């Protein structure tokens, strides 16, 4: 009886391990990110309203900050996750201001969550953690 329970458990673990899917991860180098900005200052005027965005220095090849709501911000690495080795592969916000695109590979991403919706990239944009206290916006990894 013990052997049948043991064999069932081992069989279950074997199937569970075989079903594990690998999520592809982009090869963007990890760099230290820990800074803050005042989104209410005149320097960041474009962040005053939801849907606003700015580029800032930092990260691997720059950071794109997007204001989702009055109290919520998103920060993405500008390096395209599909071709991170190519220096020109940096996403740029499109005219619609809700998507961005890589001029090198043509991949397009939704700024609301960083997901790709067109082009060859299967990867999400690399996202940095943001914290807004009503005055300062902290961006870190």
C-alpha atoms as a PDB file:
ATOM      1  CA  UNK A   1       0.000   0.000   0.000  1.00  0.00           C
ATOM      2  CA  UNK A   2       2.836   2.373   0.858  1.00  0.00           C
ATOM      3  CA  UNK A   3       4.444   1.742  -2.519  1.00  0.00           C
ATOM      4  CA  UNK A   4       1.291   2.606  -4.436  1.00  0.00           C
ATOM      5  CA  UNK A   5       0.963   5.957  -2.640  1.00  0.00           C
ATOM      6  CA  UNK A   6       4.629   6.649  -3.162  1.00  0.00           C
ATOM      7  CA  UNK A   7       4.458   5.760  -6.846  1.00  0.00           C
ATOM      8  CA  UNK A   8       1.389   7.984  -7.337  1.00  0.00           C
ATOM      9  CA  UNK A   9       3.160  10.911  -5.669  1.00  0.00           C
ATOM     10  CA  UNK A  10       6.327  10.362  -7.720  1.00  0.00           C
ATOM     11  CA  UNK A  11       4.300  10.091 -10.907  1.00  0.00           C
ATOM     12  CA  UNK A  12       2.467  13.326 -10.064  1.00  0.00           C
ATOM     13  CA  UNK A  13       5.745  15.157  -9.387  1.00  0.00           C
ATOM     14  CA  UNK A  14       7.198  13.868 -12.645  1.00  0.00           C
ATOM     15  CA  UNK A  15       4.239  15.186 -14.651  1.00  0.00           C
ATOM     16  CA  UNK A  16       4.242  18.495 -12.776  1.00  0.00           C
ATOM     17  CA  UNK A  17       7.927  19.021 -13.544  1.00  0.00           C
ATOM     18  CA  UNK A  18       7.432  18.113 -17.209  1.00  0.00           C
ATOM     19  CA  UNK A  19       4.613  20.648 -17.609  1.00  0.00           C
ATOM     20  CA  UNK A  20       6.657  23.579 -16.361  1.00  0.00           C
ATOM     21  CA  UNK A  21       6.855  26.202 -19.101  1.00  0.00           C
ATOM     22  CA  UNK A  22       9.861  28.425 -19.517  1.00  0.00           C
ATOM     23  CA  UNK A  23       9.022  32.095 -19.837  1.00  0.00           C
ATOM     24  CA  UNK A  24      11.500  33.672 -22.232  1.00  0.00           C
ATOM     25  CA  UNK A  25      13.356  36.553 -20.657  1.00  0.00           C
ATOM     26  CA  UNK A  26      15.094  39.325 -22.565  1.00  0.00           C
ATOM     27  CA  UNK A  27      18.826  39.708 -22.105  1.00  0.00           C
ATOM     28  CA  UNK A  28      18.808  43.343 -20.987  1.00  0.00           C
ATOM     29  CA  UNK A  29      21.703  43.845 -18.545  1.00  0.00           C
ATOM     30  CA  UNK A  30      20.706  44.532 -14.947  1.00  0.00           C
ATOM     31  CA  UNK A  31      21.702  48.005 -13.781  1.00  0.00           C
ATOM     32  CA  UNK A  32      21.066  49.727 -10.471  1.00  0.00           C
ATOM     33  CA  UNK A  33      18.063  52.070 -10.583  1.00  0.00           C
ATOM     34  CA  UNK A  34      17.098  54.108  -7.525  1.00  0.00           C
ATOM     35  CA  UNK A  35      16.125  57.764  -7.922  1.00  0.00           C
ATOM     36  CA  UNK A  36      13.184  60.123  -7.513  1.00  0.00           C
ATOM     37  CA  UNK A  37      11.646  63.001  -9.428  1.00  0.00           C
ATOM     38  CA  UNK A  38       9.021  65.616  -8.674  1.00  0.00           C
ATOM     39  CA  UNK A  39       6.371  65.024 -11.371  1.00  0.00           C
ATOM     40  CA  UNK A  40       4.655  68.282 -10.385  1.00  0.00           C
ATOM     41  CA  UNK A  41       7.691  70.410 -11.249  1.00  0.00           C
ATOM     42  CA  UNK A  42       7.955  72.383 -14.475  1.00  0.00           C
ATOM     43  CA  UNK A  43      10.780  70.080 -15.571  1.00  0.00           C
ATOM     44  CA  UNK A  44       8.245  67.249 -15.906  1.00  0.00           C
ATOM     45  CA  UNK A  45       5.267  69.262 -17.147  1.00  0.00           C
ATOM     46  CA  UNK A  46       4.216  66.429 -19.495  1.00  0.00           C
ATOM     47  CA  UNK A  47       3.549  64.207 -16.457  1.00  0.00           C
ATOM     48  CA  UNK A  48       0.931  66.557 -14.986  1.00  0.00           C
ATOM     49  CA  UNK A  49      -2.019  64.661 -16.482  1.00  0.00           C
ATOM     50  CA  UNK A  50      -2.848  60.969 -16.945  1.00  0.00           C
ATOM     51  CA  UNK A  51      -1.527  59.754 -20.286  1.00  0.00           C
ATOM     52  CA  UNK A  52       1.509  62.023 -20.047  1.00  0.00           C
ATOM     53  CA  UNK A  53       5.014  60.664 -20.470  1.00  0.00           C
ATOM     54  CA  UNK A  54       8.672  61.690 -20.358  1.00  0.00           C
ATOM     55  CA  UNK A  55      12.060  60.163 -21.070  1.00  0.00           C
ATOM     56  CA  UNK A  56      14.646  60.310 -18.281  1.00  0.00           C
ATOM     57  CA  UNK A  57      18.215  59.135 -18.003  1.00  0.00           C
ATOM     58  CA  UNK A  58      18.877  55.981 -16.026  1.00  0.00           C
ATOM     59  CA  UNK A  59      18.454  52.292 -16.480  1.00  0.00           C
ATOM     60  CA  UNK A  60      20.430  50.616 -19.248  1.00  0.00           C
ATOM     61  CA  UNK A  61      19.587  53.008 -22.106  1.00  0.00           C
ATOM     62  CA  UNK A  62      17.061  55.368 -20.590  1.00  0.00           C
ATOM     63  CA  UNK A  63      13.697  55.146 -18.860  1.00  0.00           C
ATOM     64  CA  UNK A  64      10.223  56.005 -20.102  1.00  0.00           C
ATOM     65  CA  UNK A  65       7.870  57.247 -17.363  1.00  0.00           C
ATOM     66  CA  UNK A  66       4.139  57.112 -18.100  1.00  0.00           C
ATOM     67  CA  UNK A  67       1.387  58.549 -15.903  1.00  0.00           C
ATOM     68  CA  UNK A  68      -1.447  56.033 -15.812  1.00  0.00           C
ATOM     69  CA  UNK A  69      -3.775  57.809 -13.351  1.00  0.00           C
ATOM     70  CA  UNK A  70      -3.547  60.736 -10.950  1.00  0.00           C
ATOM     71  CA  UNK A  71      -1.752  58.526  -8.411  1.00  0.00           C
ATOM     72  CA  UNK A  72      -0.222  55.785 -10.586  1.00  0.00           C
ATOM     73  CA  UNK A  73       2.940  55.885 -12.679  1.00  0.00           C
ATOM     74  CA  UNK A  74       4.702  53.247 -14.774  1.00  0.00           C
ATOM     75  CA  UNK A  75       8.416  53.215 -15.591  1.00  0.00           C
ATOM     76  CA  UNK A  76       9.863  51.141 -18.430  1.00  0.00           C
ATOM     77  CA  UNK A  77      13.372  50.503 -19.697  1.00  0.00           C
ATOM     78  CA  UNK A  78      13.685  52.087 -23.148  1.00  0.00           C
ATOM     79  CA  UNK A  79      15.921  49.288 -24.448  1.00  0.00           C
ATOM     80  CA  UNK A  80      13.912  47.087 -26.793  1.00  0.00           C
ATOM     81  CA  UNK A  81      13.766  43.626 -25.198  1.00  0.00           C
ATOM     82  CA  UNK A  82      13.898  41.943 -28.614  1.00  0.00           C
ATOM     83  CA  UNK A  83      17.316  43.332 -29.663  1.00  0.00           C
ATOM     84  CA  UNK A  84      18.955  44.706 -26.494  1.00  0.00           C
ATOM     85  CA  UNK A  85      22.478  44.517 -27.969  1.00  0.00           C
ATOM     86  CA  UNK A  86      21.704  47.092 -30.683  1.00  0.00           C
ATOM     87  CA  UNK A  87      22.227  50.637 -29.299  1.00  0.00           C
ATOM     88  CA  UNK A  88      19.601  52.154 -31.618  1.00  0.00           C
ATOM     89  CA  UNK A  89      16.936  49.696 -30.407  1.00  0.00           C
ATOM     90  CA  UNK A  90      15.216  52.036 -27.943  1.00  0.00           C
ATOM     91  CA  UNK A  91      11.441  52.309 -27.791  1.00  0.00           C
ATOM     92  CA  UNK A  92       9.837  55.633 -28.657  1.00  0.00           C
ATOM     93  CA  UNK A  93       6.332  56.763 -27.732  1.00  0.00           C
ATOM     94  CA  UNK A  94       4.074  56.871 -30.790  1.00  0.00           C
ATOM     95  CA  UNK A  95       1.723  59.659 -31.797  1.00  0.00           C
ATOM     96  CA  UNK A  96      -1.231  57.914 -30.111  1.00  0.00           C
ATOM     97  CA  UNK A  97       0.633  58.298 -26.776  1.00  0.00           C
ATOM     98  CA  UNK A  98      -0.666  54.922 -25.549  1.00  0.00           C
ATOM     99  CA  UNK A  99       1.826  52.791 -27.472  1.00  0.00           C
ATOM    100  CA  UNK A 100       5.542  52.809 -28.125  1.00  0.00           C
ATOM    101  CA  UNK A 101       7.614  51.176 -30.839  1.00  0.00           C
ATOM    102  CA  UNK A 102      11.155  50.071 -31.552  1.00  0.00           C
ATOM    103  CA  UNK A 103      12.473  51.709 -34.738  1.00  0.00           C
ATOM    104  CA  UNK A 104      14.884  48.796 -35.335  1.00  0.00           C
ATOM    105  CA  UNK A 105      12.736  45.637 -35.133  1.00  0.00           C
ATOM    106  CA  UNK A 106       9.299  47.266 -35.486  1.00  0.00           C
ATOM    107  CA  UNK A 107       7.867  45.745 -32.306  1.00  0.00           C
ATOM    108  CA  UNK A 108       5.078  47.774 -30.707  1.00  0.00           C
ATOM    109  CA  UNK A 109       4.098  47.790 -27.045  1.00  0.00           C
ATOM    110  CA  UNK A 110       1.083  48.966 -25.052  1.00  0.00           C
ATOM    111  CA  UNK A 111       2.107  51.500 -22.395  1.00  0.00           C
ATOM    112  CA  UNK A 112      -0.661  50.412 -20.012  1.00  0.00           C
ATOM    113  CA  UNK A 113       1.166  47.152 -19.222  1.00  0.00           C
ATOM    114  CA  UNK A 114       4.240  46.945 -21.470  1.00  0.00           C
ATOM    115  CA  UNK A 115       2.939  44.018 -23.506  1.00  0.00           C
ATOM    116  CA  UNK A 116       3.870  43.560 -27.173  1.00  0.00           C
ATOM    117  CA  UNK A 117       1.014  43.628 -29.681  1.00  0.00           C
ATOM    118  CA  UNK A 118       2.795  43.833 -33.030  1.00  0.00           C
ATOM    119  CA  UNK A 119       6.172  42.804 -34.411  1.00  0.00           C
ATOM    120  CA  UNK A 120       8.584  39.984 -33.627  1.00  0.00           C
ATOM    121  CA  UNK A 121       9.102  40.565 -29.886  1.00  0.00           C
ATOM    122  CA  UNK A 122       7.512  38.032 -27.494  1.00  0.00           C
ATOM    123  CA  UNK A 123       8.826  40.001 -24.495  1.00  0.00           C
ATOM    124  CA  UNK A 124       7.205  42.561 -22.226  1.00  0.00           C
ATOM    125  CA  UNK A 125       8.997  45.851 -21.738  1.00  0.00           C
ATOM    126  CA  UNK A 126      11.239  45.715 -18.690  1.00  0.00           C
ATOM    127  CA  UNK A 127       9.394  47.524 -15.921  1.00  0.00           C
ATOM    128  CA  UNK A 128      10.817  49.321 -12.901  1.00  0.00           C
ATOM    129  CA  UNK A 129       9.008  49.644  -9.574  1.00  0.00           C
ATOM    130  CA  UNK A 130       7.398  53.037  -8.934  1.00  0.00           C
ATOM    131  CA  UNK A 131       6.113  54.566  -5.706  1.00  0.00           C
ATOM    132  CA  UNK A 132       4.302  57.903  -5.605  1.00  0.00           C
ATOM    133  CA  UNK A 133       3.714  59.616  -2.267  1.00  0.00           C
ATOM    134  CA  UNK A 134       1.669  62.504  -3.668  1.00  0.00           C
ATOM    135  CA  UNK A 135       4.733  64.676  -4.045  1.00  0.00           C
ATOM    136  CA  UNK A 136       7.716  62.624  -5.213  1.00  0.00           C
ATOM    137  CA  UNK A 137       7.882  59.680  -7.607  1.00  0.00           C
ATOM    138  CA  UNK A 138      10.426  57.012  -6.651  1.00  0.00           C
ATOM    139  CA  UNK A 139      11.746  54.700  -9.372  1.00  0.00           C
ATOM    140  CA  UNK A 140      13.782  51.624  -8.479  1.00  0.00           C
ATOM    141  CA  UNK A 141      14.464  48.016  -9.307  1.00  0.00           C
END
